């Protein structure tokens, strides 16, 4: 349980480093949960419905989390 909390905290710290980039483009995200290796995010603002959201997710957010946080298998969007 403690390992899960530590992993979740590390994810949140990294997401907060990424957040200003998205906010500079009018977007944002909300951390929903970390479960069974997957980080669930809800995209907000200009990110909602943006045609580049999948690229931002895959090559920005997911890539960083996969590199930096052992146990993260991927990032999934929720509505």
PDB file of N, CA and C in Angstrom:
ATOM      1  N   UNK A   1       0.825  -1.201   0.000  1.00  0.00           N
ATOM      2  CA  UNK A   1       0.000   0.000   0.000  1.00  0.00           C
ATOM      3  C   UNK A   1       0.862   1.256   0.000  1.00  0.00           C
ATOM      4  N   UNK A   2       1.936   1.236   0.804  1.00  0.00           N
ATOM      5  CA  UNK A   2       2.830   2.392   0.867  1.00  0.00           C
ATOM      6  C   UNK A   2       3.535   2.602  -0.468  1.00  0.00           C
ATOM      7  N   UNK A   3       3.936   1.493  -1.123  1.00  0.00           N
ATOM      8  CA  UNK A   3       4.576   1.610  -2.434  1.00  0.00           C
ATOM      9  C   UNK A   3       3.641   2.257  -3.441  1.00  0.00           C
ATOM     10  N   UNK A   4       2.377   1.890  -3.383  1.00  0.00           N
ATOM     11  CA  UNK A   4       1.384   2.473  -4.286  1.00  0.00           C
ATOM     12  C   UNK A   4       1.271   3.973  -4.040  1.00  0.00           C
ATOM     13  N   UNK A   5       1.247   4.377  -2.777  1.00  0.00           N
ATOM     14  CA  UNK A   5       1.163   5.796  -2.428  1.00  0.00           C
ATOM     15  C   UNK A   5       2.393   6.546  -2.940  1.00  0.00           C
ATOM     16  N   UNK A   6       3.577   5.948  -2.778  1.00  0.00           N
ATOM     17  CA  UNK A   6       4.812   6.581  -3.241  1.00  0.00           C
ATOM     18  C   UNK A   6       4.806   6.725  -4.757  1.00  0.00           C
ATOM     19  N   UNK A   7       4.367   5.686  -5.444  1.00  0.00           N
ATOM     20  CA  UNK A   7       4.295   5.740  -6.903  1.00  0.00           C
ATOM     21  C   UNK A   7       3.317   6.817  -7.343  1.00  0.00           C
ATOM     22  N   UNK A   8       2.170   6.860  -6.711  1.00  0.00           N
ATOM     23  CA  UNK A   8       1.161   7.867  -7.049  1.00  0.00           C
ATOM     24  C   UNK A   8       1.691   9.283  -6.795  1.00  0.00           C
ATOM     25  N   UNK A   9       2.406   9.472  -5.709  1.00  0.00           N
ATOM     26  CA  UNK A   9       2.984  10.788  -5.412  1.00  0.00           C
ATOM     27  C   UNK A   9       4.015  11.190  -6.454  1.00  0.00           C
ATOM     28  N   UNK A  10       4.846  10.241  -6.889  1.00  0.00           N
ATOM     29  CA  UNK A  10       5.849  10.532  -7.921  1.00  0.00           C
ATOM     30  C   UNK A  10       5.162  10.912  -9.232  1.00  0.00           C
ATOM     31  N   UNK A  11       4.096  10.210  -9.573  1.00  0.00           N
ATOM     32  CA  UNK A  11       3.325  10.524 -10.779  1.00  0.00           C
ATOM     33  C   UNK A  11       2.795  11.950 -10.697  1.00  0.00           C
ATOM     34  N   UNK A  12       2.233  12.310  -9.561  1.00  0.00           N
ATOM     35  CA  UNK A  12       1.659  13.650  -9.396  1.00  0.00           C
ATOM     36  C   UNK A  12       2.721  14.740  -9.488  1.00  0.00           C
ATOM     37  N   UNK A  13       3.899  14.488  -8.938  1.00  0.00           N
ATOM     38  CA  UNK A  13       4.995  15.462  -9.024  1.00  0.00           C
ATOM     39  C   UNK A  13       5.385  15.683 -10.487  1.00  0.00           C
ATOM     40  N   UNK A  14       5.529  14.600 -11.234  1.00  0.00           N
ATOM     41  CA  UNK A  14       5.891  14.722 -12.650  1.00  0.00           C
ATOM     42  C   UNK A  14       4.789  15.401 -13.453  1.00  0.00           C
ATOM     43  N   UNK A  15       3.548  15.066 -13.170  1.00  0.00           N
ATOM     44  CA  UNK A  15       2.439  15.703 -13.877  1.00  0.00           C
ATOM     45  C   UNK A  15       2.426  17.208 -13.620  1.00  0.00           C
ATOM     46  N   UNK A  16       2.763  17.606 -12.413  1.00  0.00           N
ATOM     47  CA  UNK A  16       2.803  19.037 -12.097  1.00  0.00           C
ATOM     48  C   UNK A  16       3.931  19.756 -12.824  1.00  0.00           C
ATOM     49  N   UNK A  17       4.979  19.029 -13.203  1.00  0.00           N
ATOM     50  CA  UNK A  17       6.053  19.622 -14.013  1.00  0.00           C
ATOM     51  C   UNK A  17       5.611  19.796 -15.465  1.00  0.00           C
ATOM     52  N   UNK A  18       4.776  18.895 -15.938  1.00  0.00           N
ATOM     53  CA  UNK A  18       4.289  18.929 -17.323  1.00  0.00           C
ATOM     54  C   UNK A  18       3.166  19.953 -17.486  1.00  0.00           C
ATOM     55  N   UNK A  19       2.366  20.112 -16.460  1.00  0.00           N
ATOM     56  CA  UNK A  19       1.156  20.944 -16.493  1.00  0.00           C
ATOM     57  C   UNK A  19       1.366  22.340 -17.090  1.00  0.00           C
ATOM     58  N   UNK A  20       2.416  23.101 -16.720  1.00  0.00           N
ATOM     59  CA  UNK A  20       2.567  24.455 -17.267  1.00  0.00           C
ATOM     60  C   UNK A  20       2.635  24.498 -18.798  1.00  0.00           C
ATOM     61  N   UNK A  21       3.207  23.468 -19.417  1.00  0.00           N
ATOM     62  CA  UNK A  21       3.257  23.429 -20.883  1.00  0.00           C
ATOM     63  C   UNK A  21       1.845  23.379 -21.453  1.00  0.00           C
ATOM     64  N   UNK A  22       1.018  22.502 -20.930  1.00  0.00           N
ATOM     65  CA  UNK A  22      -0.359  22.398 -21.423  1.00  0.00           C
ATOM     66  C   UNK A  22      -1.138  23.670 -21.133  1.00  0.00           C
ATOM     67  N   UNK A  23      -0.930  24.235 -19.960  1.00  0.00           N
ATOM     68  CA  UNK A  23      -1.636  25.461 -19.594  1.00  0.00           C
ATOM     69  C   UNK A  23      -1.237  26.628 -20.489  1.00  0.00           C
ATOM     70  N   UNK A  24      -0.004  26.622 -20.970  1.00  0.00           N
ATOM     71  CA  UNK A  24       0.434  27.704 -21.863  1.00  0.00           C
ATOM     72  C   UNK A  24      -0.299  27.660 -23.200  1.00  0.00           C
ATOM     73  N   UNK A  25      -0.921  26.525 -23.499  1.00  0.00           N
ATOM     74  CA  UNK A  25      -1.707  26.365 -24.722  1.00  0.00           C
ATOM     75  C   UNK A  25      -3.207  26.350 -24.431  1.00  0.00           C
ATOM     76  N   UNK A  26      -3.584  26.731 -23.227  1.00  0.00           N
ATOM     77  CA  UNK A  26      -4.998  26.794 -22.871  1.00  0.00           C
ATOM     78  C   UNK A  26      -5.593  25.486 -22.403  1.00  0.00           C
ATOM     79  N   UNK A  27      -4.751  24.485 -22.210  1.00  0.00           N
ATOM     80  CA  UNK A  27      -5.246  23.186 -21.787  1.00  0.00           C
ATOM     81  C   UNK A  27      -4.833  22.844 -20.371  1.00  0.00           C
ATOM     82  N   UNK A  28      -5.249  21.691 -19.937  1.00  0.00           N
ATOM     83  CA  UNK A  28      -4.883  21.196 -18.613  1.00  0.00           C
ATOM     84  C   UNK A  28      -5.345  19.745 -18.530  1.00  0.00           C
ATOM     85  N   UNK A  29      -5.088  19.114 -17.405  1.00  0.00           N
ATOM     86  CA  UNK A  29      -5.559  17.758 -17.170  1.00  0.00           C
ATOM     87  C   UNK A  29      -5.825  17.581 -15.694  1.00  0.00           C
ATOM     88  N   UNK A  30      -6.563  16.540 -15.400  1.00  0.00           N
ATOM     89  CA  UNK A  30      -6.865  16.176 -14.013  1.00  0.00           C
ATOM     90  C   UNK A  30      -6.411  14.737 -13.805  1.00  0.00           C
ATOM     91  N   UNK A  31      -5.626  14.499 -12.771  1.00  0.00           N
ATOM     92  CA  UNK A  31      -5.252  13.142 -12.395  1.00  0.00           C
ATOM     93  C   UNK A  31      -6.485  12.482 -11.798  1.00  0.00           C
ATOM     94  N   UNK A  32      -6.886  11.348 -12.346  1.00  0.00           N
ATOM     95  CA  UNK A  32      -8.071  10.644 -11.860  1.00  0.00           C
ATOM     96  C   UNK A  32      -7.667   9.521 -10.904  1.00  0.00           C
ATOM     97  N   UNK A  33      -6.753   8.646 -11.374  1.00  0.00           N
ATOM     98  CA  UNK A  33      -6.305   7.546 -10.518  1.00  0.00           C
ATOM     99  C   UNK A  33      -5.110   6.840 -11.150  1.00  0.00           C
ATOM    100  N   UNK A  34      -4.446   6.039 -10.336  1.00  0.00           N
ATOM    101  CA  UNK A  34      -3.402   5.126 -10.795  1.00  0.00           C
ATOM    102  C   UNK A  34      -3.846   3.742 -10.367  1.00  0.00           C
ATOM    103  N   UNK A  35      -4.055   2.865 -11.354  1.00  0.00           N
ATOM    104  CA  UNK A  35      -4.610   1.548 -11.044  1.00  0.00           C
ATOM    105  C   UNK A  35      -4.030   0.499 -11.973  1.00  0.00           C
ATOM    106  N   UNK A  36      -3.517  -0.576 -11.399  1.00  0.00           N
ATOM    107  CA  UNK A  36      -2.981  -1.707 -12.151  1.00  0.00           C
ATOM    108  C   UNK A  36      -1.981  -1.259 -13.210  1.00  0.00           C
ATOM    109  N   UNK A  37      -1.147  -0.283 -12.866  1.00  0.00           N
ATOM    110  CA  UNK A  37      -0.090   0.169 -13.761  1.00  0.00           C
ATOM    111  C   UNK A  37      -0.480   1.280 -14.715  1.00  0.00           C
ATOM    112  N   UNK A  38      -1.724   1.647 -14.725  1.00  0.00           N
ATOM    113  CA  UNK A  38      -2.180   2.679 -15.661  1.00  0.00           C
ATOM    114  C   UNK A  38      -2.557   3.965 -14.936  1.00  0.00           C
ATOM    115  N   UNK A  39      -2.124   5.075 -15.535  1.00  0.00           N
ATOM    116  CA  UNK A  39      -2.455   6.405 -15.037  1.00  0.00           C
ATOM    117  C   UNK A  39      -3.665   6.876 -15.828  1.00  0.00           C
ATOM    118  N   UNK A  40      -4.710   7.261 -15.142  1.00  0.00           N
ATOM    119  CA  UNK A  40      -5.934   7.741 -15.779  1.00  0.00           C
ATOM    120  C   UNK A  40      -6.002   9.254 -15.637  1.00  0.00           C
ATOM    121  N   UNK A  41      -6.124   9.934 -16.776  1.00  0.00           N
ATOM    122  CA  UNK A  41      -6.188  11.389 -16.804  1.00  0.00           C
ATOM    123  C   UNK A  41      -7.438  11.849 -17.529  1.00  0.00           C
ATOM    124  N   UNK A  42      -7.950  12.975 -17.108  1.00  0.00           N
ATOM    125  CA  UNK A  42      -9.042  13.643 -17.815  1.00  0.00           C
ATOM    126  C   UNK A  42      -8.469  14.935 -18.379  1.00  0.00           C
ATOM    127  N   UNK A  43      -8.613  15.125 -19.679  1.00  0.00           N
ATOM    128  CA  UNK A  43      -8.102  16.328 -20.323  1.00  0.00           C
ATOM    129  C   UNK A  43      -9.124  17.446 -20.167  1.00  0.00           C
ATOM    130  N   UNK A  44      -8.612  18.658 -19.957  1.00  0.00           N
ATOM    131  CA  UNK A  44      -9.465  19.817 -19.701  1.00  0.00           C
ATOM    132  C   UNK A  44      -9.098  20.980 -20.621  1.00  0.00           C
ATOM    133  N   UNK A  45      -9.971  21.967 -20.659  1.00  0.00           N
ATOM    134  CA  UNK A  45      -9.699  23.189 -21.423  1.00  0.00           C
ATOM    135  C   UNK A  45      -9.517  22.910 -22.904  1.00  0.00           C
ATOM    136  N   UNK A  46      -8.522  23.551 -23.496  1.00  0.00           N
ATOM    137  CA  UNK A  46      -8.276  23.419 -24.929  1.00  0.00           C
ATOM    138  C   UNK A  46      -7.864  22.005 -25.326  1.00  0.00           C
ATOM    139  N   UNK A  47      -7.447  21.193 -24.361  1.00  0.00           N
ATOM    140  CA  UNK A  47      -7.057  19.813 -24.667  1.00  0.00           C
ATOM    141  C   UNK A  47      -8.264  18.944 -25.026  1.00  0.00           C
ATOM    142  N   UNK A  48      -9.429  19.303 -24.487  1.00  0.00           N
ATOM    143  CA  UNK A  48     -10.639  18.540 -24.794  1.00  0.00           C
ATOM    144  C   UNK A  48     -10.978  18.711 -26.267  1.00  0.00           C
ATOM    145  N   UNK A  49     -11.012  17.618 -26.981  1.00  0.00           N
ATOM    146  CA  UNK A  49     -11.377  17.669 -28.386  1.00  0.00           C
ATOM    147  C   UNK A  49     -10.264  18.121 -29.311  1.00  0.00           C
ATOM    148  N   UNK A  50      -9.082  18.419 -28.782  1.00  0.00           N
ATOM    149  CA  UNK A  50      -7.960  18.849 -29.624  1.00  0.00           C
ATOM    150  C   UNK A  50      -7.486  17.667 -30.467  1.00  0.00           C
ATOM    151  N   UNK A  51      -7.247  17.883 -31.764  1.00  0.00           N
ATOM    152  CA  UNK A  51      -6.797  16.782 -32.609  1.00  0.00           C
ATOM    153  C   UNK A  51      -5.393  16.274 -32.251  1.00  0.00           C
ATOM    154  N   UNK A  52      -4.641  17.037 -31.487  1.00  0.00           N
ATOM    155  CA  UNK A  52      -3.286  16.625 -31.114  1.00  0.00           C
ATOM    156  C   UNK A  52      -3.211  16.009 -29.715  1.00  0.00           C
ATOM    157  N   UNK A  53      -4.352  15.803 -29.085  1.00  0.00           N
ATOM    158  CA  UNK A  53      -4.342  15.310 -27.704  1.00  0.00           C
ATOM    159  C   UNK A  53      -3.661  13.948 -27.592  1.00  0.00           C
ATOM    160  N   UNK A  54      -3.846  13.069 -28.554  1.00  0.00           N
ATOM    161  CA  UNK A  54      -3.216  11.746 -28.482  1.00  0.00           C
ATOM    162  C   UNK A  54      -1.701  11.838 -28.596  1.00  0.00           C
ATOM    163  N   UNK A  55      -1.215  12.744 -29.445  1.00  0.00           N
ATOM    164  CA  UNK A  55       0.230  12.937 -29.568  1.00  0.00           C
ATOM    165  C   UNK A  55       0.802  13.538 -28.291  1.00  0.00           C
ATOM    166  N   UNK A  56       0.100  14.505 -27.722  1.00  0.00           N
ATOM    167  CA  UNK A  56       0.537  15.104 -26.458  1.00  0.00           C
ATOM    168  C   UNK A  56       0.598  14.036 -25.378  1.00  0.00           C
ATOM    169  N   UNK A  57      -0.405  13.200 -25.348  1.00  0.00           N
ATOM    170  CA  UNK A  57      -0.469  12.142 -24.351  1.00  0.00           C
ATOM    171  C   UNK A  57       0.669  11.145 -24.541  1.00  0.00           C
ATOM    172  N   UNK A  58       0.830  10.636 -25.762  1.00  0.00           N
ATOM    173  CA  UNK A  58       1.802   9.579 -26.028  1.00  0.00           C
ATOM    174  C   UNK A  58       3.243  10.067 -25.970  1.00  0.00           C
ATOM    175  N   UNK A  59       3.538  11.169 -26.640  1.00  0.00           N
ATOM    176  CA  UNK A  59       4.926  11.618 -26.755  1.00  0.00           C
ATOM    177  C   UNK A  59       5.329  12.627 -25.689  1.00  0.00           C
ATOM    178  N   UNK A  60       4.385  13.091 -24.924  1.00  0.00           N
ATOM    179  CA  UNK A  60       4.690  14.025 -23.850  1.00  0.00           C
ATOM    180  C   UNK A  60       4.507  13.355 -22.510  1.00  0.00           C
ATOM    181  N   UNK A  61       3.287  13.248 -22.088  1.00  0.00           N
ATOM    182  CA  UNK A  61       2.965  12.761 -20.747  1.00  0.00           C
ATOM    183  C   UNK A  61       3.372  11.297 -20.542  1.00  0.00           C
ATOM    184  N   UNK A  62       2.911  10.416 -21.411  1.00  0.00           N
ATOM    185  CA  UNK A  62       3.161   8.987 -21.224  1.00  0.00           C
ATOM    186  C   UNK A  62       4.649   8.660 -21.289  1.00  0.00           C
ATOM    187  N   UNK A  63       5.346   9.227 -22.249  1.00  0.00           N
ATOM    188  CA  UNK A  63       6.775   8.952 -22.413  1.00  0.00           C
ATOM    189  C   UNK A  63       7.554   9.303 -21.141  1.00  0.00           C
ATOM    190  N   UNK A  64       7.257  10.450 -20.564  1.00  0.00           N
ATOM    191  CA  UNK A  64       7.942  10.882 -19.341  1.00  0.00           C
ATOM    192  C   UNK A  64       7.622   9.944 -18.184  1.00  0.00           C
ATOM    193  N   UNK A  65       6.359   9.613 -18.018  1.00  0.00           N
ATOM    194  CA  UNK A  65       5.973   8.739 -16.907  1.00  0.00           C
ATOM    195  C   UNK A  65       6.568   7.338 -17.052  1.00  0.00           C
ATOM    196  N   UNK A  66       6.598   6.809 -18.266  1.00  0.00           N
ATOM    197  CA  UNK A  66       7.180   5.483 -18.485  1.00  0.00           C
ATOM    198  C   UNK A  66       8.668   5.473 -18.156  1.00  0.00           C
ATOM    199  N   UNK A  67       9.366   6.540 -18.500  1.00  0.00           N
ATOM    200  CA  UNK A  67      10.800   6.640 -18.226  1.00  0.00           C
ATOM    201  C   UNK A  67      11.095   6.828 -16.741  1.00  0.00           C
ATOM    202  N   UNK A  68      10.293   7.621 -16.075  1.00  0.00           N
ATOM    203  CA  UNK A  68      10.615   8.076 -14.722  1.00  0.00           C
ATOM    204  C   UNK A  68       9.974   7.280 -13.584  1.00  0.00           C
ATOM    205  N   UNK A  69       8.903   6.561 -13.865  1.00  0.00           N
ATOM    206  CA  UNK A  69       8.177   5.898 -12.770  1.00  0.00           C
ATOM    207  C   UNK A  69       8.063   4.392 -13.038  1.00  0.00           C
ATOM    208  N   UNK A  70       8.864   3.598 -12.327  1.00  0.00           N
ATOM    209  CA  UNK A  70       8.733   2.146 -12.464  1.00  0.00           C
ATOM    210  C   UNK A  70       7.313   1.713 -12.082  1.00  0.00           C
ATOM    211  N   UNK A  71       6.771   0.816 -12.864  1.00  0.00           N
ATOM    212  CA  UNK A  71       5.425   0.330 -12.573  1.00  0.00           C
ATOM    213  C   UNK A  71       4.343   0.956 -13.421  1.00  0.00           C
ATOM    214  N   UNK A  72       4.661   2.074 -14.084  1.00  0.00           N
ATOM    215  CA  UNK A  72       3.678   2.686 -14.981  1.00  0.00           C
ATOM    216  C   UNK A  72       3.742   1.953 -16.317  1.00  0.00           C
ATOM    217  N   UNK A  73       2.604   1.457 -16.754  1.00  0.00           N
ATOM    218  CA  UNK A  73       2.506   0.724 -18.017  1.00  0.00           C
ATOM    219  C   UNK A  73       1.950   1.583 -19.139  1.00  0.00           C
ATOM    220  N   UNK A  74       1.250   2.650 -18.781  1.00  0.00           N
ATOM    221  CA  UNK A  74       0.657   3.506 -19.800  1.00  0.00           C
ATOM    222  C   UNK A  74      -0.232   4.559 -19.177  1.00  0.00           C
ATOM    223  N   UNK A  75      -0.738   5.421 -20.052  1.00  0.00           N
ATOM    224  CA  UNK A  75      -1.639   6.493 -19.634  1.00  0.00           C
ATOM    225  C   UNK A  75      -2.911   6.372 -20.459  1.00  0.00           C
ATOM    226  N   UNK A  76      -4.044   6.425 -19.797  1.00  0.00           N
ATOM    227  CA  UNK A  76      -5.338   6.314 -20.464  1.00  0.00           C
ATOM    228  C   UNK A  76      -6.174   7.555 -20.175  1.00  0.00           C
ATOM    229  N   UNK A  77      -6.959   7.945 -21.157  1.00  0.00           N
ATOM    230  CA  UNK A  77      -7.849   9.094 -20.998  1.00  0.00           C
ATOM    231  C   UNK A  77      -9.219   8.636 -20.532  1.00  0.00           C
ATOM    232  N   UNK A  78      -9.815   9.431 -19.681  1.00  0.00           N
ATOM    233  CA  UNK A  78     -11.199   9.209 -19.274  1.00  0.00           C
ATOM    234  C   UNK A  78     -11.986  10.464 -19.615  1.00  0.00           C
ATOM    235  N   UNK A  79     -13.283  10.300 -19.793  1.00  0.00           N
ATOM    236  CA  UNK A  79     -14.120  11.459 -20.126  1.00  0.00           C
ATOM    237  C   UNK A  79     -14.857  11.959 -18.919  1.00  0.00           C
TER     238      UNK A  79
END
